[in-house]
């Protein structure tokens, strides 16, 4: 069985990310729902993951030793995944600090991990998707593409999701590629 993580990048209490993540997980269930393509989804919420500002004694790239319980737990959770979908808003043209911090805790766990990005914002998350792809590529993740959602065309500021055909078709296409890569990695 494929283990797929869906990481909500925003830690804000009234975030739209939960609604976007629900749209993503519902689409994943449609895609992987039949008996032949089962996937276990791990919804990763920064509200449930206790990660203080990066506090490792050494750089994760230089030394993968994790010296705190929270770093070990975070590393184990990401290492257990076959693929990851990151759902992220665009804050001031970039990614949220909580996401950057979560990425900075690890290095080896990102290497080769197939990752799909779903960004949202006023410009369909274009800025965040570009920067996040650069960061993920630099740390060795296997970036499988992205989907951008725009206010107000695809979702409201309150979190009402009404995604059109084009982003929905793009998500299905990216999930197909992610599925193929994740199944290859598991085999």
N, C-alpha and C. Protein backbone atom coordinates (compact mmCIF):
# COMPACT_ATOMS: atom_id res chain seq x y z
N UNK A 1 0.84 -1.18 0.00
CA UNK A 1 0.00 0.00 0.00
C UNK A 1 0.88 1.24 0.00
N UNK A 2 0.51 2.21 -0.81
CA UNK A 2 1.24 3.46 -0.91
C UNK A 2 0.86 4.36 0.26
N UNK A 3 1.85 4.93 0.92
CA UNK A 3 1.59 5.89 1.99
C UNK A 3 1.86 7.28 1.45
N UNK A 4 0.80 8.08 1.38
CA UNK A 4 0.84 9.40 0.81
C UNK A 4 0.60 10.44 1.89
N UNK A 5 1.54 11.37 2.05
CA UNK A 5 1.36 12.46 3.00
C UNK A 5 0.74 13.66 2.31
N UNK A 6 -0.15 14.34 3.02
CA UNK A 6 -0.70 15.61 2.57
C UNK A 6 -0.38 16.61 3.67
N UNK A 7 0.56 17.50 3.39
CA UNK A 7 1.06 18.46 4.38
C UNK A 7 0.40 19.82 4.17
N UNK A 8 -0.33 20.26 5.20
CA UNK A 8 -0.90 21.60 5.18
C UNK A 8 0.19 22.53 5.68
N UNK A 9 0.59 23.48 4.85
CA UNK A 9 1.74 24.32 5.18
C UNK A 9 1.42 25.48 6.10
N UNK A 10 0.18 25.90 6.14
CA UNK A 10 -0.19 27.05 6.97
C UNK A 10 -0.57 26.61 8.38
N UNK A 11 -0.11 27.38 9.36
CA UNK A 11 -0.44 27.09 10.75
C UNK A 11 -1.48 28.06 11.31
N UNK A 12 -1.99 28.97 10.48
CA UNK A 12 -2.97 29.95 10.93
C UNK A 12 -4.25 29.27 11.40
N UNK A 13 -4.89 29.78 12.44
CA UNK A 13 -6.13 29.15 12.92
C UNK A 13 -7.29 29.23 11.93
N UNK A 14 -7.39 30.26 11.12
CA UNK A 14 -8.50 30.40 10.17
C UNK A 14 -8.03 30.19 8.73
N UNK A 15 -7.09 29.32 8.55
CA UNK A 15 -6.46 29.10 7.24
C UNK A 15 -7.41 28.47 6.22
N UNK A 16 -7.15 28.77 4.99
CA UNK A 16 -7.87 28.19 3.86
C UNK A 16 -7.28 26.82 3.53
N UNK A 17 -6.05 26.58 3.95
CA UNK A 17 -5.34 25.35 3.63
C UNK A 17 -6.06 24.07 3.99
N UNK A 18 -6.80 24.08 5.10
CA UNK A 18 -7.56 22.88 5.47
C UNK A 18 -8.58 22.53 4.40
N UNK A 19 -9.23 23.54 3.85
CA UNK A 19 -10.25 23.33 2.82
C UNK A 19 -9.60 22.84 1.52
N UNK A 20 -8.47 23.42 1.17
CA UNK A 20 -7.76 22.98 -0.02
C UNK A 20 -7.26 21.55 0.17
N UNK A 21 -6.75 21.24 1.35
CA UNK A 21 -6.28 19.87 1.64
C UNK A 21 -7.43 18.87 1.55
N UNK A 22 -8.62 19.26 1.97
CA UNK A 22 -9.78 18.38 1.86
C UNK A 22 -10.10 18.11 0.39
N UNK A 23 -10.03 19.17 -0.45
CA UNK A 23 -10.24 18.98 -1.89
C UNK A 23 -9.19 18.02 -2.46
N UNK A 24 -7.95 18.19 -2.05
CA UNK A 24 -6.87 17.32 -2.52
C UNK A 24 -7.11 15.88 -2.06
N UNK A 25 -7.40 15.68 -0.77
CA UNK A 25 -7.59 14.31 -0.27
C UNK A 25 -8.82 13.66 -0.88
N UNK A 26 -9.88 14.42 -1.12
CA UNK A 26 -11.06 13.85 -1.80
C UNK A 26 -10.69 13.41 -3.21
N UNK A 27 -9.88 14.20 -3.89
CA UNK A 27 -9.45 13.85 -5.25
C UNK A 27 -8.54 12.62 -5.21
N UNK A 28 -7.67 12.55 -4.20
CA UNK A 28 -6.82 11.37 -4.03
C UNK A 28 -7.67 10.13 -3.81
N UNK A 29 -8.69 10.24 -2.97
CA UNK A 29 -9.56 9.09 -2.71
C UNK A 29 -10.29 8.65 -3.97
N UNK A 30 -10.72 9.60 -4.80
CA UNK A 30 -11.34 9.26 -6.09
C UNK A 30 -10.35 8.47 -6.94
N UNK A 31 -9.12 8.96 -6.97
CA UNK A 31 -8.10 8.37 -7.84
C UNK A 31 -7.63 7.00 -7.34
N UNK A 32 -7.38 6.92 -6.04
CA UNK A 32 -6.82 5.70 -5.46
C UNK A 32 -7.89 4.82 -4.82
N UNK A 33 -9.15 5.14 -4.98
CA UNK A 33 -10.22 4.50 -4.23
C UNK A 33 -10.48 3.04 -4.53
N UNK A 34 -10.20 2.56 -5.72
CA UNK A 34 -10.53 1.18 -6.03
C UNK A 34 -9.52 0.22 -5.40
N UNK A 35 -9.89 -1.02 -5.33
CA UNK A 35 -9.08 -2.03 -4.63
C UNK A 35 -7.69 -2.18 -5.22
N UNK A 36 -7.55 -1.90 -6.53
CA UNK A 36 -6.26 -2.07 -7.18
C UNK A 36 -5.27 -0.97 -6.81
N UNK A 37 -5.77 0.20 -6.43
CA UNK A 37 -4.90 1.34 -6.14
C UNK A 37 -5.20 1.91 -4.76
N UNK A 38 -4.86 1.22 -3.74
CA UNK A 38 -5.11 1.69 -2.37
C UNK A 38 -3.97 2.59 -1.91
N UNK A 39 -4.34 3.65 -1.24
CA UNK A 39 -3.34 4.55 -0.67
C UNK A 39 -3.78 4.94 0.73
N UNK A 40 -2.85 4.90 1.63
CA UNK A 40 -3.10 5.41 2.99
C UNK A 40 -2.66 6.87 2.99
N UNK A 41 -3.56 7.75 3.42
CA UNK A 41 -3.27 9.18 3.44
C UNK A 41 -2.96 9.61 4.87
N UNK A 42 -1.81 10.24 5.03
CA UNK A 42 -1.40 10.82 6.32
C UNK A 42 -1.55 12.33 6.19
N UNK A 43 -2.59 12.88 6.79
CA UNK A 43 -2.81 14.33 6.78
C UNK A 43 -1.92 14.94 7.84
N UNK A 44 -0.97 15.75 7.41
CA UNK A 44 0.03 16.33 8.30
C UNK A 44 -0.32 17.79 8.54
N UNK A 45 -0.69 18.10 9.76
CA UNK A 45 -1.15 19.43 10.13
C UNK A 45 -0.14 20.05 11.10
N UNK A 46 0.40 21.23 10.76
CA UNK A 46 1.39 21.84 11.66
C UNK A 46 0.83 22.15 13.04
N UNK A 47 -0.49 22.21 13.16
CA UNK A 47 -1.09 22.42 14.49
C UNK A 47 -0.90 21.19 15.37
N UNK A 48 -0.70 20.03 14.75
CA UNK A 48 -0.52 18.78 15.49
C UNK A 48 0.94 18.35 15.61
N UNK A 49 1.82 18.98 14.85
CA UNK A 49 3.24 18.63 14.85
C UNK A 49 3.99 19.72 15.62
N UNK A 50 4.61 19.34 16.71
CA UNK A 50 5.32 20.32 17.53
C UNK A 50 6.76 20.44 17.04
N UNK A 51 7.02 21.48 16.27
CA UNK A 51 8.38 21.74 15.78
C UNK A 51 8.73 23.18 16.13
N UNK A 52 9.53 23.38 17.16
CA UNK A 52 9.98 24.75 17.43
C UNK A 52 10.90 25.20 16.31
N UNK A 53 11.27 26.47 16.31
CA UNK A 53 12.25 26.95 15.34
C UNK A 53 13.43 25.97 15.35
N UNK A 54 13.95 25.67 14.16
CA UNK A 54 15.00 24.64 14.03
C UNK A 54 16.04 24.77 15.14
N UNK A 55 16.21 23.67 15.88
CA UNK A 55 17.10 23.68 17.04
C UNK A 55 18.11 22.54 17.01
N UNK A 56 18.41 22.03 15.80
CA UNK A 56 19.39 20.95 15.70
C UNK A 56 20.79 21.43 16.04
N UNK A 57 21.59 20.53 16.57
CA UNK A 57 22.96 20.89 16.94
C UNK A 57 23.87 21.02 15.73
N UNK A 58 23.49 20.33 14.64
CA UNK A 58 24.26 20.41 13.40
C UNK A 58 23.29 20.53 12.22
N UNK A 59 23.84 20.85 11.08
CA UNK A 59 23.04 20.92 9.87
C UNK A 59 22.56 19.52 9.49
N UNK A 60 21.29 19.36 9.14
CA UNK A 60 20.79 18.04 8.73
C UNK A 60 21.55 17.47 7.53
N UNK A 61 22.05 18.32 6.66
CA UNK A 61 22.81 17.84 5.51
C UNK A 61 24.17 17.31 5.94
N UNK A 62 24.80 17.97 6.90
CA UNK A 62 26.12 17.56 7.36
C UNK A 62 26.08 16.32 8.24
N UNK A 63 25.04 16.23 9.05
CA UNK A 63 24.93 15.14 10.02
C UNK A 63 23.45 14.88 10.26
N UNK A 64 22.96 13.74 9.82
CA UNK A 64 21.54 13.41 9.95
C UNK A 64 21.09 13.02 11.35
N UNK A 65 21.99 13.08 12.33
CA UNK A 65 21.64 12.71 13.69
C UNK A 65 20.64 13.71 14.25
N UNK A 66 19.54 13.19 14.76
CA UNK A 66 18.52 14.03 15.37
C UNK A 66 18.64 13.92 16.88
N UNK A 67 18.82 15.06 17.53
CA UNK A 67 19.13 15.06 18.96
C UNK A 67 17.92 15.36 19.85
N UNK A 68 16.77 15.62 19.25
CA UNK A 68 15.57 15.90 20.03
C UNK A 68 14.46 14.92 19.65
N UNK A 69 13.55 14.72 20.57
CA UNK A 69 12.43 13.82 20.29
C UNK A 69 11.57 14.34 19.14
N UNK A 70 11.34 15.66 19.09
CA UNK A 70 10.50 16.20 18.02
C UNK A 70 11.17 16.05 16.65
N UNK A 71 12.47 16.18 16.58
CA UNK A 71 13.18 16.00 15.31
C UNK A 71 13.13 14.54 14.87
N UNK A 72 13.33 13.63 15.82
CA UNK A 72 13.26 12.20 15.49
C UNK A 72 11.87 11.81 15.00
N UNK A 73 10.83 12.27 15.71
CA UNK A 73 9.45 11.95 15.33
C UNK A 73 9.12 12.51 13.95
N UNK A 74 9.55 13.74 13.68
CA UNK A 74 9.30 14.37 12.39
C UNK A 74 10.03 13.60 11.28
N UNK A 75 11.28 13.25 11.51
CA UNK A 75 12.05 12.50 10.52
C UNK A 75 11.42 11.14 10.22
N UNK A 76 10.96 10.46 11.25
CA UNK A 76 10.32 9.15 11.06
C UNK A 76 9.02 9.28 10.28
N UNK A 77 8.27 10.33 10.55
CA UNK A 77 6.98 10.51 9.86
C UNK A 77 7.20 10.74 8.37
N UNK A 78 8.15 11.58 8.02
CA UNK A 78 8.42 11.86 6.60
C UNK A 78 9.07 10.64 5.94
N UNK A 79 9.98 9.98 6.62
CA UNK A 79 10.66 8.81 6.05
C UNK A 79 9.67 7.68 5.75
N UNK A 80 8.56 7.62 6.45
CA UNK A 80 7.57 6.56 6.25
C UNK A 80 6.71 6.77 5.00
N UNK A 81 6.82 7.94 4.37
CA UNK A 81 5.99 8.25 3.21
C UNK A 81 6.59 7.72 1.92
N UNK A 82 5.71 7.35 1.00
CA UNK A 82 6.13 6.99 -0.36
C UNK A 82 6.06 8.20 -1.28
N UNK A 83 5.24 9.18 -0.91
CA UNK A 83 5.08 10.41 -1.69
C UNK A 83 4.43 11.46 -0.79
N UNK A 84 4.54 12.72 -1.21
CA UNK A 84 4.02 13.83 -0.40
C UNK A 84 3.37 14.87 -1.30
N UNK A 85 2.25 15.40 -0.84
CA UNK A 85 1.61 16.55 -1.48
C UNK A 85 1.67 17.69 -0.47
N UNK A 86 2.27 18.81 -0.87
CA UNK A 86 2.34 19.98 0.00
C UNK A 86 1.28 20.97 -0.46
N UNK A 87 0.39 21.34 0.45
CA UNK A 87 -0.66 22.33 0.21
C UNK A 87 -0.21 23.61 0.88
N UNK A 88 0.10 24.64 0.08
CA UNK A 88 0.69 25.85 0.66
C UNK A 88 0.08 27.14 0.13
N UNK A 89 -0.14 28.09 1.03
CA UNK A 89 -0.52 29.42 0.57
C UNK A 89 0.72 30.18 0.12
N UNK A 90 0.48 31.28 -0.56
CA UNK A 90 1.57 32.20 -0.89
C UNK A 90 1.46 33.37 0.06
N UNK A 91 2.47 33.54 0.91
CA UNK A 91 2.53 34.67 1.85
C UNK A 91 3.60 35.63 1.36
N UNK A 92 3.22 36.81 0.96
CA UNK A 92 4.17 37.82 0.51
C UNK A 92 5.14 37.28 -0.55
N UNK A 93 4.61 36.49 -1.46
CA UNK A 93 5.41 35.97 -2.56
C UNK A 93 6.25 34.75 -2.22
N UNK A 94 6.04 34.15 -1.04
CA UNK A 94 6.87 33.04 -0.62
C UNK A 94 6.04 32.02 0.18
N UNK A 95 6.73 31.09 0.82
CA UNK A 95 6.07 30.06 1.62
C UNK A 95 6.00 30.48 3.08
N UNK A 96 5.07 29.88 3.83
CA UNK A 96 4.95 30.18 5.25
C UNK A 96 6.19 29.72 6.03
N UNK A 97 6.51 30.43 7.09
CA UNK A 97 7.65 30.07 7.93
C UNK A 97 7.54 28.67 8.51
N UNK A 98 6.32 28.24 8.83
CA UNK A 98 6.13 26.89 9.39
C UNK A 98 6.57 25.81 8.40
N UNK A 99 6.31 26.04 7.13
CA UNK A 99 6.73 25.07 6.10
C UNK A 99 8.25 25.06 5.96
N UNK A 100 8.84 26.23 5.89
CA UNK A 100 10.31 26.30 5.76
C UNK A 100 10.98 25.64 6.94
N UNK A 101 10.46 25.88 8.14
CA UNK A 101 11.02 25.27 9.34
C UNK A 101 10.90 23.74 9.27
N UNK A 102 9.75 23.24 8.85
CA UNK A 102 9.55 21.79 8.75
C UNK A 102 10.52 21.17 7.74
N UNK A 103 10.76 21.87 6.65
CA UNK A 103 11.71 21.38 5.65
C UNK A 103 13.13 21.41 6.21
N UNK A 104 13.50 22.48 6.90
CA UNK A 104 14.86 22.64 7.41
C UNK A 104 15.28 21.59 8.42
N UNK A 105 14.34 20.98 9.11
CA UNK A 105 14.66 19.97 10.10
C UNK A 105 15.29 18.71 9.50
N UNK A 106 15.03 18.47 8.22
CA UNK A 106 15.43 17.21 7.60
C UNK A 106 16.27 17.45 6.36
N UNK A 107 16.96 16.41 5.94
CA UNK A 107 17.65 16.45 4.65
C UNK A 107 17.51 15.10 3.95
N UNK A 108 18.04 14.08 4.56
CA UNK A 108 18.04 12.75 3.96
C UNK A 108 16.61 12.27 3.64
N UNK A 109 15.66 12.61 4.50
CA UNK A 109 14.27 12.15 4.32
C UNK A 109 13.62 12.75 3.07
N UNK A 110 14.08 13.93 2.64
CA UNK A 110 13.52 14.55 1.44
C UNK A 110 14.12 13.96 0.17
N UNK A 111 15.33 13.41 0.27
CA UNK A 111 16.06 12.94 -0.90
C UNK A 111 15.28 11.84 -1.65
N UNK A 112 14.93 12.13 -2.90
CA UNK A 112 14.23 11.16 -3.73
C UNK A 112 12.74 11.05 -3.47
N UNK A 113 12.22 11.75 -2.47
CA UNK A 113 10.79 11.67 -2.15
C UNK A 113 9.98 12.36 -3.24
N UNK A 114 9.07 11.64 -3.90
CA UNK A 114 8.22 12.28 -4.89
C UNK A 114 7.28 13.29 -4.21
N UNK A 115 7.30 14.53 -4.69
CA UNK A 115 6.52 15.60 -4.07
C UNK A 115 5.71 16.33 -5.14
N UNK A 116 4.44 16.52 -4.85
CA UNK A 116 3.54 17.33 -5.66
C UNK A 116 3.18 18.56 -4.83
N UNK A 117 3.15 19.71 -5.46
CA UNK A 117 2.85 20.96 -4.74
C UNK A 117 1.50 21.50 -5.22
N UNK A 118 0.66 21.92 -4.26
CA UNK A 118 -0.58 22.60 -4.56
C UNK A 118 -0.51 23.94 -3.84
N UNK A 119 -0.42 25.00 -4.63
CA UNK A 119 -0.31 26.35 -4.08
C UNK A 119 -1.58 27.13 -4.32
N UNK A 120 -1.82 28.11 -3.45
CA UNK A 120 -2.99 28.95 -3.64
C UNK A 120 -2.68 30.36 -3.18
N UNK A 121 -3.37 31.31 -3.81
CA UNK A 121 -3.18 32.71 -3.49
C UNK A 121 -3.79 33.57 -4.58
N UNK A 122 -3.54 34.86 -4.50
CA UNK A 122 -4.12 35.80 -5.46
C UNK A 122 -3.62 35.53 -6.87
N UNK A 123 -2.41 35.12 -7.04
CA UNK A 123 -1.86 34.82 -8.36
C UNK A 123 -1.74 33.32 -8.57
N UNK A 124 -2.67 32.56 -8.03
CA UNK A 124 -2.69 31.09 -8.13
C UNK A 124 -1.44 30.46 -7.53
N UNK A 125 -0.83 31.15 -6.56
CA UNK A 125 0.33 30.60 -5.87
C UNK A 125 1.58 30.50 -6.71
N UNK A 126 1.64 31.22 -7.81
CA UNK A 126 2.76 31.13 -8.74
C UNK A 126 4.11 31.38 -8.05
N UNK A 127 4.18 32.43 -7.25
CA UNK A 127 5.44 32.76 -6.58
C UNK A 127 5.89 31.69 -5.61
N UNK A 128 4.97 31.20 -4.78
CA UNK A 128 5.35 30.18 -3.80
C UNK A 128 5.73 28.88 -4.49
N UNK A 129 5.01 28.52 -5.54
CA UNK A 129 5.32 27.27 -6.23
C UNK A 129 6.70 27.31 -6.86
N UNK A 130 7.06 28.43 -7.42
CA UNK A 130 8.39 28.59 -8.02
C UNK A 130 9.49 28.47 -6.96
N UNK A 131 9.34 29.18 -5.86
CA UNK A 131 10.35 29.14 -4.80
C UNK A 131 10.42 27.77 -4.12
N UNK A 132 9.25 27.17 -3.88
CA UNK A 132 9.22 25.87 -3.21
C UNK A 132 9.84 24.80 -4.09
N UNK A 133 9.59 24.87 -5.39
CA UNK A 133 10.21 23.90 -6.29
C UNK A 133 11.73 24.02 -6.24
N UNK A 134 12.22 25.25 -6.24
CA UNK A 134 13.68 25.47 -6.17
C UNK A 134 14.25 24.88 -4.88
N UNK A 135 13.57 25.14 -3.76
CA UNK A 135 14.03 24.62 -2.46
C UNK A 135 14.00 23.10 -2.43
N UNK A 136 12.89 22.52 -2.85
CA UNK A 136 12.75 21.06 -2.80
C UNK A 136 13.75 20.37 -3.73
N UNK A 137 13.98 20.94 -4.88
CA UNK A 137 14.96 20.39 -5.81
C UNK A 137 16.36 20.45 -5.20
N UNK A 138 16.66 21.55 -4.54
CA UNK A 138 17.98 21.72 -3.92
C UNK A 138 18.26 20.66 -2.86
N UNK A 139 17.23 20.25 -2.13
CA UNK A 139 17.43 19.25 -1.07
C UNK A 139 17.20 17.82 -1.57
N UNK A 140 16.99 17.67 -2.88
CA UNK A 140 16.96 16.34 -3.47
C UNK A 140 15.60 15.69 -3.59
N UNK A 141 14.51 16.42 -3.30
CA UNK A 141 13.19 15.84 -3.50
C UNK A 141 12.93 15.69 -4.99
N UNK A 142 12.08 14.76 -5.34
CA UNK A 142 11.71 14.52 -6.73
C UNK A 142 10.41 15.28 -6.99
N UNK A 143 10.51 16.53 -7.44
CA UNK A 143 9.34 17.37 -7.64
C UNK A 143 8.57 16.90 -8.87
N UNK A 144 7.31 16.54 -8.65
CA UNK A 144 6.47 15.95 -9.69
C UNK A 144 5.51 16.95 -10.32
N UNK A 145 5.70 18.22 -10.04
CA UNK A 145 4.84 19.23 -10.64
C UNK A 145 4.04 19.99 -9.60
N UNK A 146 3.16 20.84 -10.10
CA UNK A 146 2.37 21.68 -9.20
C UNK A 146 1.02 22.01 -9.81
N UNK A 147 0.12 22.44 -8.92
CA UNK A 147 -1.19 22.92 -9.30
C UNK A 147 -1.41 24.21 -8.53
N UNK A 148 -1.88 25.25 -9.22
CA UNK A 148 -2.13 26.53 -8.57
C UNK A 148 -3.61 26.86 -8.55
N UNK A 149 -4.08 27.34 -7.40
CA UNK A 149 -5.47 27.76 -7.22
C UNK A 149 -5.49 29.25 -6.91
N UNK A 150 -6.44 29.96 -7.50
CA UNK A 150 -6.48 31.41 -7.36
C UNK A 150 -7.71 31.88 -6.60
N UNK A 151 -7.50 32.93 -5.78
CA UNK A 151 -8.63 33.67 -5.24
C UNK A 151 -9.09 34.61 -6.34
N UNK A 152 -10.30 34.89 -6.55
CA UNK A 152 -11.51 34.23 -6.09
C UNK A 152 -12.01 33.16 -7.06
N UNK A 153 -11.26 32.90 -8.14
CA UNK A 153 -11.73 31.97 -9.17
C UNK A 153 -11.93 30.54 -8.66
N UNK A 154 -11.02 30.06 -7.82
CA UNK A 154 -11.07 28.66 -7.37
C UNK A 154 -11.48 28.49 -5.91
N UNK A 155 -11.32 29.54 -5.11
CA UNK A 155 -11.67 29.45 -3.70
C UNK A 155 -11.87 30.85 -3.13
N UNK A 156 -12.65 30.90 -2.07
CA UNK A 156 -12.89 32.18 -1.41
C UNK A 156 -11.94 32.35 -0.24
N UNK A 157 -11.84 33.55 0.25
CA UNK A 157 -10.99 33.81 1.42
C UNK A 157 -11.49 33.09 2.66
N UNK A 158 -12.75 32.72 2.66
CA UNK A 158 -13.33 31.99 3.80
C UNK A 158 -13.10 30.49 3.68
N UNK A 159 -12.61 30.04 2.52
CA UNK A 159 -12.31 28.62 2.35
C UNK A 159 -13.31 27.85 1.51
N UNK A 160 -14.26 28.53 0.91
CA UNK A 160 -15.17 27.84 0.00
C UNK A 160 -14.39 27.45 -1.24
N UNK A 161 -14.34 26.16 -1.52
CA UNK A 161 -13.57 25.65 -2.65
C UNK A 161 -14.53 25.37 -3.81
N UNK A 162 -14.29 26.01 -4.93
CA UNK A 162 -15.09 25.81 -6.14
C UNK A 162 -14.13 25.77 -7.34
N UNK A 163 -13.23 24.82 -7.28
CA UNK A 163 -12.16 24.70 -8.27
C UNK A 163 -12.73 24.34 -9.63
N UNK A 164 -12.24 25.02 -10.65
CA UNK A 164 -12.69 24.80 -12.02
C UNK A 164 -12.11 23.55 -12.64
N UNK A 165 -12.50 23.32 -13.87
CA UNK A 165 -12.09 22.10 -14.59
C UNK A 165 -10.59 22.03 -14.83
N UNK A 166 -9.98 23.16 -15.19
CA UNK A 166 -8.56 23.14 -15.55
C UNK A 166 -7.66 22.74 -14.36
N UNK A 167 -7.80 23.38 -13.17
CA UNK A 167 -6.97 22.93 -12.04
C UNK A 167 -7.31 21.50 -11.58
N UNK A 168 -8.57 21.13 -11.69
CA UNK A 168 -8.97 19.77 -11.30
C UNK A 168 -8.32 18.75 -12.23
N UNK A 169 -8.36 19.02 -13.53
CA UNK A 169 -7.71 18.12 -14.50
C UNK A 169 -6.21 18.08 -14.27
N UNK A 170 -5.62 19.24 -13.94
CA UNK A 170 -4.18 19.28 -13.66
C UNK A 170 -3.84 18.43 -12.45
N UNK A 171 -4.66 18.52 -11.40
CA UNK A 171 -4.40 17.70 -10.21
C UNK A 171 -4.50 16.22 -10.55
N UNK A 172 -5.50 15.82 -11.32
CA UNK A 172 -5.62 14.41 -11.73
C UNK A 172 -4.39 13.96 -12.51
N UNK A 173 -3.93 14.80 -13.45
CA UNK A 173 -2.73 14.45 -14.23
C UNK A 173 -1.51 14.30 -13.33
N UNK A 174 -1.31 15.25 -12.40
CA UNK A 174 -0.15 15.20 -11.50
C UNK A 174 -0.24 14.00 -10.56
N UNK A 175 -1.46 13.68 -10.12
CA UNK A 175 -1.63 12.51 -9.26
C UNK A 175 -1.29 11.22 -9.99
N UNK A 176 -1.62 11.17 -11.27
CA UNK A 176 -1.28 9.99 -12.07
C UNK A 176 0.24 9.81 -12.11
N UNK A 177 0.97 10.89 -12.34
CA UNK A 177 2.43 10.83 -12.36
C UNK A 177 2.98 10.49 -10.98
N UNK A 178 2.40 11.08 -9.94
CA UNK A 178 2.84 10.82 -8.57
C UNK A 178 2.59 9.35 -8.21
N UNK A 179 1.44 8.84 -8.61
CA UNK A 179 1.10 7.45 -8.35
C UNK A 179 2.12 6.52 -9.01
N UNK A 180 2.42 6.76 -10.28
CA UNK A 180 3.37 5.93 -10.99
C UNK A 180 4.73 5.95 -10.31
N UNK A 181 5.18 7.13 -9.91
CA UNK A 181 6.49 7.27 -9.24
C UNK A 181 6.47 6.58 -7.88
N UNK A 182 5.42 6.81 -7.09
CA UNK A 182 5.35 6.23 -5.74
C UNK A 182 5.27 4.72 -5.80
N UNK A 183 4.50 4.19 -6.75
CA UNK A 183 4.40 2.72 -6.87
C UNK A 183 5.73 2.13 -7.31
N UNK A 184 6.47 2.84 -8.16
CA UNK A 184 7.79 2.40 -8.58
C UNK A 184 8.74 2.40 -7.38
N UNK A 185 8.64 3.43 -6.53
CA UNK A 185 9.50 3.53 -5.36
C UNK A 185 9.21 2.44 -4.35
N UNK A 186 7.94 2.03 -4.23
CA UNK A 186 7.54 1.01 -3.26
C UNK A 186 7.96 -0.36 -3.73
N UNK A 187 7.89 -0.60 -5.05
CA UNK A 187 8.16 -1.93 -5.61
C UNK A 187 9.59 -2.37 -5.41
